[in-house]
Amino acid sequence: MLATIVIYVTLIAGSLYFLLSVIYSWSFSHLKRKRSFTKRLVSVIIACRNEENTLPRLLTLLVNQTYPKDLFEVIVANDESDDSSEEILQSFSNKFDYIKYFNVAERELAVSPKKNALTQAISRSKGEILLLTDADCFPKSTWIESMVQAFEDDVSMVAGYSSTEIDWKKASFVQKFEHIDLLCLYIGLAGGFAMGKQFTAVGQNLAYTRKAYEQVGGFSKINHLISGDDCNFMQLLRKEGLKIKFNFEDDSFVKTKAITSWKKLFNQHSRWFSNLKLMLKLNTEFFLILAALFIYYVGIVITMFIDWRVFVLALTLKFIGELQMFYFSYPIFKVHRRLIWFYPVWMVIQTIFNILTIFIGQFNWFVWHGKKQKNSKKDNNEVLDSR
């Protein structure tokens, strides 16, 4: 009896996942892109901690942006770096007056050091648009210009695309896994935007208006959470009825440094999935999709020991659905064919990997920059009930 229930639930979840992939694919092929050519004052906001290896390249790329130099500033929050990051920042700020940095205060008192650093940086900025990236990211020279063009008059937030920068032949196995995993994450979130749904965003490439930031009280409602300066913050804007869109233009895409170990990747994904429990009220539809996905993944593993035919069918639904999304998203994200050959390996590992990280994320069993998230039902209720 129990085995029959598992089989039916798995096949239902798999069918829904396949149907969602079809809808996503259709949405990718029917995109409507709109741009605004109004110039706006922009503040590029970056939180930095021990990034001496990536800062010179990032700052050089920002210095060489196509956007008018008198219309943007770069504010870097040096979050108690103990390498040569501050010396690098000082060197660039001496040469370019629109590049500014400061040393973050009270890091040790903050539950979320990153949100603390971003809040202090934003308070020192003056731009109408706040454009965020990480200190280990590498934007194109057209990045600022393209992200600004996505802000039509009624748009409050623009989510952008990022991918890991790797040499496929030299990359380690975990870096190849991360590369295709991040791609699939973006196919999922961008597919949601394409069909008019705002599910999540990633802080590696994200922009919003100062007005929207102030309207929701900045990060004040989610400061007790160690993560969520991107996805949870986006949900606060969505609940306010503010318009959020995704920038599908190639000129806005950003590269990011590849991860170096499975431990770091495991912690990263557990941290991401720790936000799942908040989505029950922040975005119920997204919560249900993720919950169904978790059930589907668990079902795939269990059916492997119950009925191999059901296992093959469940895996086939996933395989065809995701390859279909790869195909229709290729013109946008330029999915290289070599990724397709690695995909079956990724698919098997990702199923187990996601089961573990989703589960662990719900108990906050992860470490991020030396910090652990404390469990607090009271605090969670406060953000969930906020409007």
Protein backbone atom coordinates (compact mmCIF):
# COMPACT_ATOMS: atom_id res chain seq x y z
CA MET A 1 0.00 0.00 0.00
CA LEU A 2 2.73 2.46 1.01
CA ALA A 3 4.77 1.55 -2.05
CA THR A 4 1.76 2.28 -4.29
CA ILE A 5 1.27 5.69 -2.68
CA VAL A 6 4.94 6.55 -3.19
CA ILE A 7 4.74 5.53 -6.85
CA TYR A 8 1.63 7.61 -7.53
CA VAL A 9 2.91 10.67 -5.67
CA THR A 10 6.24 10.48 -7.51
CA LEU A 11 4.60 10.19 -10.91
CA ILE A 12 2.18 13.03 -10.16
CA ALA A 13 5.03 15.28 -8.99
CA GLY A 14 7.08 14.25 -12.03
CA SER A 15 4.22 15.01 -14.39
CA LEU A 16 3.75 18.44 -12.83
CA TYR A 17 7.48 19.10 -13.14
CA PHE A 18 7.39 18.09 -16.80
CA LEU A 19 4.34 20.30 -17.41
CA LEU A 20 6.10 23.23 -15.75
CA SER A 21 9.13 22.68 -17.99
CA VAL A 22 6.86 22.82 -21.06
CA ILE A 23 5.34 26.11 -19.84
CA TYR A 24 8.81 27.52 -19.14
CA SER A 25 10.01 26.50 -22.60
CA TRP A 26 7.01 28.16 -24.24
CA SER A 27 7.64 31.31 -22.20
CA PHE A 28 11.29 31.49 -23.32
CA SER A 29 10.19 31.38 -26.96
CA HIS A 30 7.65 34.19 -26.47
CA LEU A 31 9.70 36.79 -24.63
CA LYS A 32 8.75 40.45 -24.94
CA ARG A 33 11.76 42.66 -24.29
CA LYS A 34 11.35 46.34 -23.49
CA ARG A 35 14.06 48.90 -22.81
CA SER A 36 14.23 52.46 -21.57
CA PHE A 37 16.93 54.87 -22.72
CA THR A 38 16.50 57.33 -19.86
CA LYS A 39 19.82 57.99 -18.13
CA ARG A 40 19.71 57.69 -14.34
CA LEU A 41 22.17 58.20 -11.52
CA VAL A 42 23.50 54.79 -10.45
CA SER A 43 25.27 53.58 -7.31
CA VAL A 44 27.12 50.29 -7.75
CA ILE A 45 27.11 48.62 -4.32
CA ILE A 46 29.65 45.91 -3.41
CA ALA A 47 30.33 44.14 -0.12
CA CYS A 48 33.92 42.94 0.05
CA ARG A 49 35.77 40.64 2.45
CA ASN A 50 39.23 39.29 1.59
CA GLU A 51 38.92 39.56 -2.18
CA GLU A 52 42.44 40.68 -3.10
CA ASN A 53 42.56 38.17 -5.97
CA THR A 54 39.44 39.44 -7.72
CA LEU A 55 39.13 43.13 -6.74
CA PRO A 56 41.68 44.54 -9.25
CA ARG A 57 39.90 42.92 -12.18
CA LEU A 58 36.41 43.87 -10.93
CA LEU A 59 37.35 47.51 -10.36
CA THR A 60 39.12 47.69 -13.74
CA LEU A 61 35.97 46.41 -15.43
CA LEU A 62 33.89 49.04 -13.60
CA VAL A 63 36.30 51.80 -14.59
CA ASN A 64 35.83 50.78 -18.22
CA GLN A 65 32.02 50.81 -18.27
CA THR A 66 30.28 52.37 -21.28
CA TYR A 67 27.89 54.27 -19.00
CA PRO A 68 28.74 57.99 -18.52
CA LYS A 69 31.26 58.37 -15.69
CA ASP A 70 29.40 61.35 -14.23
CA LEU A 71 26.26 59.24 -13.82
CA PHE A 72 27.55 56.43 -11.63
CA GLU A 73 29.57 55.84 -8.49
CA VAL A 74 31.04 52.69 -6.99
CA ILE A 75 30.67 52.18 -3.23
CA VAL A 76 32.66 49.27 -1.79
CA ALA A 77 32.09 48.14 1.79
CA ASN A 78 35.35 46.65 3.07
CA ASP A 79 34.04 44.16 5.62
CA GLU A 80 37.06 43.71 7.90
CA SER A 81 39.32 42.22 5.22
CA ASP A 82 42.66 41.06 6.57
CA ASP A 83 44.38 40.73 3.19
CA SER A 84 45.42 43.52 0.80
CA SER A 85 41.84 44.40 -0.24
CA GLU A 86 41.94 47.81 1.46
CA GLU A 87 45.22 48.75 -0.23
CA ILE A 88 43.72 47.86 -3.61
CA LEU A 89 40.60 49.91 -2.87
CA GLN A 90 42.70 52.85 -1.72
CA SER A 91 44.74 52.73 -4.93
CA PHE A 92 41.68 52.81 -7.18
CA SER A 93 39.87 55.47 -5.14
CA ASN A 94 42.96 57.71 -5.41
CA LYS A 95 42.90 57.43 -9.20
CA PHE A 96 39.14 57.60 -9.79
CA ASP A 97 36.94 59.92 -7.74
CA TYR A 98 33.78 57.93 -8.47
CA ILE A 99 35.22 54.84 -6.77
CA LYS A 100 34.76 55.06 -3.00
CA TYR A 101 35.22 52.66 -0.15
CA PHE A 102 34.82 52.56 3.62
CA ASN A 103 35.51 50.11 6.42
CA VAL A 104 32.39 48.42 7.75
CA ALA A 105 31.54 48.94 11.43
CA GLU A 106 30.06 46.46 13.92
CA ARG A 107 30.46 43.34 11.78
CA GLU A 108 30.70 41.12 14.87
CA LEU A 109 27.29 42.37 16.10
CA ALA A 110 25.42 41.57 12.89
CA VAL A 111 23.57 38.29 12.31
CA SER A 112 24.05 38.88 8.59
CA PRO A 113 27.39 40.58 7.93
CA LYS A 114 26.58 41.03 4.24
CA LYS A 115 23.28 42.84 4.86
CA ASN A 116 25.06 44.96 7.46
CA ALA A 117 27.74 45.92 4.92
CA LEU A 118 25.19 46.59 2.16
CA THR A 119 23.04 48.73 4.45
CA GLN A 120 26.01 50.90 5.40
CA ALA A 121 27.09 51.19 1.76
CA ILE A 122 23.62 52.18 0.57
CA SER A 123 23.38 54.83 3.30
CA ARG A 124 26.53 56.41 1.82
CA SER A 125 25.30 56.28 -1.78
CA LYS A 126 23.29 58.83 -3.75
CA GLY A 127 22.09 56.97 -6.85
CA GLU A 128 18.49 56.65 -7.93
CA ILE A 129 19.26 53.05 -8.90
CA LEU A 130 21.19 50.70 -6.60
CA LEU A 131 23.10 48.14 -8.67
CA LEU A 132 24.57 45.22 -6.74
CA THR A 133 27.17 42.59 -7.49
CA ASP A 134 29.69 40.58 -5.50
CA ALA A 135 33.40 41.31 -5.15
CA ASP A 136 34.26 38.07 -6.96
CA CYS A 137 32.10 38.86 -10.01
CA PHE A 138 33.13 40.20 -13.40
CA PRO A 139 30.58 42.29 -15.35
CA LYS A 140 30.79 43.20 -19.01
CA SER A 141 31.71 46.76 -19.97
CA THR A 142 28.04 47.26 -20.95
CA TRP A 143 26.70 45.99 -17.63
CA ILE A 144 25.60 49.26 -16.02
CA GLU A 145 24.15 50.60 -19.25
CA SER A 146 22.15 47.45 -19.96
CA MET A 147 20.81 47.09 -16.41
CA VAL A 148 19.68 50.74 -16.38
CA GLN A 149 17.92 50.28 -19.72
CA ALA A 150 15.77 47.55 -18.13
CA PHE A 151 14.23 50.14 -15.78
CA GLU A 152 11.07 51.31 -17.45
CA ASP A 153 9.29 53.99 -15.44
CA ASP A 154 7.16 51.47 -13.50
CA VAL A 155 9.94 48.96 -12.75
CA SER A 156 11.31 48.78 -9.19
CA MET A 157 13.71 45.84 -9.43
CA VAL A 158 15.70 44.13 -12.19
CA ALA A 159 17.23 40.68 -11.71
CA GLY A 160 20.19 39.76 -13.91
CA TYR A 161 22.00 36.63 -15.07
CA SER A 162 25.36 35.34 -13.87
CA SER A 163 27.41 32.24 -14.61
CA THR A 164 30.63 30.81 -13.24
CA GLU A 165 33.79 31.54 -15.21
CA ILE A 166 35.62 28.32 -15.92
CA ASP A 167 37.91 26.69 -18.46
CA TRP A 168 35.93 23.50 -19.06
CA LYS A 169 39.00 21.40 -19.87
CA LYS A 170 40.87 22.51 -16.75
CA ALA A 171 37.92 22.83 -14.36
CA SER A 172 37.53 20.39 -11.49
CA PHE A 173 34.51 18.11 -11.28
CA VAL A 174 32.84 20.26 -8.60
CA GLN A 175 33.32 23.38 -10.74
CA LYS A 176 31.69 21.69 -13.73
CA PHE A 177 28.84 20.58 -11.49
CA GLU A 178 28.41 24.10 -10.09
CA HIS A 179 28.50 25.64 -13.57
CA ILE A 180 25.61 23.59 -14.91
CA ASP A 181 23.78 23.79 -11.56
CA LEU A 182 23.86 27.60 -11.56
CA LEU A 183 22.72 27.57 -15.18
CA CYS A 184 19.73 25.40 -14.27
CA LEU A 185 18.92 27.69 -11.34
CA TYR A 186 18.82 30.66 -13.70
CA ILE A 187 16.78 28.79 -16.29
CA GLY A 188 14.27 28.14 -13.52
CA LEU A 189 14.10 31.66 -12.12
CA ALA A 190 14.26 33.33 -15.55
CA GLY A 191 11.55 30.98 -16.81
CA GLY A 192 9.41 32.16 -13.92
CA PHE A 193 9.97 35.80 -14.90
CA ALA A 194 9.19 34.94 -18.54
CA MET A 195 5.75 33.67 -17.46
CA GLY A 196 5.17 36.63 -15.16
CA LYS A 197 6.19 34.99 -11.87
CA GLN A 198 8.81 36.40 -9.50
CA PHE A 199 10.21 33.43 -7.61
CA THR A 200 13.77 34.35 -6.68
CA ALA A 201 16.83 36.42 -7.55
CA VAL A 202 20.59 36.22 -6.99
CA GLY A 203 22.67 39.05 -5.54
CA GLN A 204 25.51 38.56 -8.02
CA ASN A 205 23.57 40.68 -10.51
CA LEU A 206 20.65 42.63 -9.06
CA ALA A 207 19.35 46.20 -9.16
CA TYR A 208 16.51 48.13 -7.55
CA THR A 209 15.44 51.71 -7.10
CA ARG A 210 16.27 53.61 -3.95
CA LYS A 211 12.57 54.44 -3.65
CA ALA A 212 11.67 50.73 -3.52
CA TYR A 213 14.45 50.02 -1.02
CA GLU A 214 13.18 52.73 1.30
CA GLN A 215 9.53 51.78 0.80
CA VAL A 216 10.06 48.32 2.32
CA GLY A 217 12.40 49.62 5.04
CA GLY A 218 15.58 48.30 3.50
CA PHE A 219 16.69 45.01 5.04
CA SER A 220 15.18 45.79 8.46
CA LYS A 221 12.51 43.07 8.19
CA ILE A 222 15.02 40.35 7.29
CA ASN A 223 18.10 41.43 9.26
CA HIS A 224 17.71 38.50 11.65
CA LEU A 225 18.29 36.08 8.76
CA ILE A 226 21.88 35.27 7.82
CA SER A 227 21.01 35.24 4.11
CA GLY A 228 18.25 36.56 1.86
CA ASP A 229 19.59 39.99 0.87
CA ASP A 230 18.49 39.01 -2.64
CA CYS A 231 15.64 36.45 -2.72
CA ASN A 232 13.87 37.44 0.51
CA PHE A 233 14.31 41.12 -0.22
CA MET A 234 12.78 40.59 -3.65
CA GLN A 235 9.75 38.97 -2.02
CA LEU A 236 9.27 42.04 0.21
CA LEU A 237 9.07 44.17 -2.93
CA ARG A 238 6.73 41.71 -4.61
CA LYS A 239 4.36 41.74 -1.63
CA GLU A 240 4.27 45.55 -1.89
CA GLY A 241 2.97 45.16 -5.44
CA LEU A 242 6.13 46.62 -7.01
CA LYS A 243 7.08 45.58 -10.53
CA ILE A 244 10.05 43.22 -10.87
CA LYS A 245 11.55 41.98 -14.13
CA PHE A 246 14.47 39.95 -15.46
CA ASN A 247 17.08 41.35 -17.84
CA PHE A 248 17.45 38.88 -20.70
CA GLU A 249 19.94 41.07 -22.61
CA ASP A 250 23.38 39.53 -23.12
CA ASP A 251 25.04 42.88 -22.38
CA SER A 252 23.89 42.66 -18.76
CA PHE A 253 25.35 39.23 -18.01
CA VAL A 254 27.95 38.77 -15.27
CA LYS A 255 30.61 36.13 -14.65
CA THR A 256 31.46 34.94 -11.15
CA LYS A 257 34.39 33.09 -9.65
CA ALA A 258 33.93 29.31 -9.52
CA ILE A 259 33.71 27.55 -6.19
CA THR A 260 36.68 25.50 -5.00
CA SER A 261 35.25 22.65 -2.91
CA TRP A 262 32.20 20.48 -2.35
CA LYS A 263 32.01 21.72 1.25
CA LYS A 264 31.62 25.32 0.13
CA LEU A 265 29.03 24.35 -2.49
CA PHE A 266 27.10 22.30 0.07
CA ASN A 267 27.04 25.21 2.52
CA GLN A 268 26.00 27.63 -0.22
CA HIS A 269 23.04 25.52 -1.35
CA SER A 270 21.94 24.73 2.20
CA ARG A 271 21.93 28.48 2.88
CA TRP A 272 19.86 29.12 -0.24
CA PHE A 273 17.34 26.43 0.66
CA SER A 274 17.10 27.69 4.25
CA ASN A 275 14.78 30.36 2.84
CA LEU A 276 12.27 27.70 1.76
CA LYS A 277 10.32 27.75 5.04
CA LEU A 278 9.87 31.53 4.75
CA MET A 279 8.37 31.17 1.28
CA LEU A 280 5.26 29.52 2.74
CA LYS A 281 3.91 33.04 3.39
CA LEU A 282 6.28 35.24 1.40
CA ASN A 283 5.43 33.39 -1.83
CA THR A 284 3.17 30.39 -1.32
CA GLU A 285 3.20 29.41 -5.01
CA PHE A 286 7.00 29.22 -5.04
CA PHE A 287 6.95 27.24 -1.78
CA LEU A 288 4.57 24.67 -3.27
CA ILE A 289 6.75 24.29 -6.38
CA LEU A 290 9.88 23.72 -4.27
CA ALA A 291 8.04 21.34 -1.94
CA ALA A 292 6.75 19.34 -4.91
CA LEU A 293 10.26 19.29 -6.34
CA PHE A 294 11.64 17.92 -3.06
CA ILE A 295 8.95 15.20 -3.01
CA TYR A 296 9.77 14.36 -6.63
CA TYR A 297 13.49 14.01 -5.90
CA VAL A 298 12.84 11.81 -2.86
CA GLY A 299 10.36 9.76 -4.87
CA ILE A 300 12.92 9.14 -7.63
CA VAL A 301 15.37 7.72 -5.10
CA ILE A 302 12.76 5.56 -3.34
CA THR A 303 11.27 4.11 -6.53
CA MET A 304 14.73 2.90 -7.48
CA PHE A 305 14.26 0.28 -4.75
CA ILE A 306 10.53 -0.34 -5.32
CA ASP A 307 9.98 -0.62 -9.08
CA TRP A 308 12.75 0.00 -11.60
CA ARG A 309 10.19 0.75 -14.35
CA VAL A 310 8.67 3.60 -12.33
CA PHE A 311 12.17 4.81 -11.47
CA VAL A 312 13.12 4.96 -15.15
CA LEU A 313 9.86 6.74 -16.03
CA ALA A 314 10.30 9.32 -13.25
CA LEU A 315 13.89 9.96 -14.30
CA THR A 316 12.87 10.19 -17.96
CA LEU A 317 10.30 12.90 -17.18
CA LYS A 318 13.05 14.91 -15.50
CA PHE A 319 15.54 14.24 -18.29
CA ILE A 320 13.23 15.25 -21.16
CA GLY A 321 11.78 18.22 -19.31
CA GLU A 322 15.17 19.72 -18.47
CA LEU A 323 16.70 19.05 -21.89
CA GLN A 324 13.71 20.83 -23.38
CA MET A 325 14.40 23.88 -21.20
CA PHE A 326 18.08 23.75 -22.22
CA TYR A 327 17.04 23.81 -25.87
CA PHE A 328 14.68 26.78 -25.62
CA SER A 329 16.94 28.80 -23.31
CA TYR A 330 20.03 28.30 -25.51
CA PRO A 331 19.49 31.48 -27.59
CA ILE A 332 19.40 33.50 -24.36
CA PHE A 333 22.06 31.95 -22.14
CA LYS A 334 24.22 30.42 -24.91
CA VAL A 335 24.27 26.91 -23.43
CA HIS A 336 27.32 25.15 -24.87
CA ARG A 337 26.85 21.67 -26.29
CA ARG A 338 29.55 20.24 -24.03
CA LEU A 339 27.24 20.90 -21.07
CA ILE A 340 24.70 18.51 -22.56
CA TRP A 341 27.22 15.67 -22.38
CA PHE A 342 27.85 16.41 -18.70
CA TYR A 343 24.14 16.82 -17.96
CA PRO A 344 23.31 13.11 -17.23
CA VAL A 345 26.10 13.01 -14.61
CA TRP A 346 24.90 16.27 -13.08
CA MET A 347 21.27 15.08 -13.06
CA VAL A 348 22.01 11.98 -11.00
CA ILE A 349 24.22 13.76 -8.45
CA GLN A 350 21.96 16.83 -8.29
CA THR A 351 18.96 14.72 -7.28
CA ILE A 352 20.75 13.42 -4.16
CA PHE A 353 22.54 16.73 -3.57
CA ASN A 354 19.29 18.71 -3.52
CA ILE A 355 17.55 16.28 -1.19
CA LEU A 356 20.34 16.70 1.34
CA THR A 357 20.75 20.48 1.04
CA ILE A 358 17.00 21.17 1.12
CA PHE A 359 16.68 19.06 4.27
CA ILE A 360 19.74 20.53 6.01
CA GLY A 361 18.74 24.06 5.02
CA GLN A 362 15.48 23.79 6.97
CA PHE A 363 17.46 23.26 10.19
CA ASN A 364 20.03 25.98 9.36
CA TRP A 365 22.90 23.47 9.59
CA PHE A 366 25.31 25.53 7.53
CA VAL A 367 28.07 28.07 8.02
CA TRP A 368 28.48 31.24 5.96
CA HIS A 369 31.57 33.43 6.36
CA GLY A 370 32.09 32.00 9.84
CA LYS A 371 28.49 32.65 10.92
CA LYS A 372 25.71 30.19 11.78
CA GLN A 373 22.01 31.01 11.48
CA LYS A 374 20.18 30.86 14.80
CA ASN A 375 16.75 29.25 14.82
CA SER A 376 14.10 31.71 15.96
CA LYS A 377 10.40 31.13 15.34
CA LYS A 378 9.58 34.50 16.82
CA ASP A 379 11.85 36.36 14.40
CA ASN A 380 10.59 34.33 11.46
CA ASN A 381 7.00 35.17 12.33
CA GLU A 382 7.89 38.85 12.46
CA VAL A 383 9.14 38.90 8.86
CA LEU A 384 6.36 36.65 7.64
CA ASP A 385 3.66 38.85 9.11
CA SER A 386 5.23 42.13 7.93
CA ARG A 387 3.60 44.02 5.11
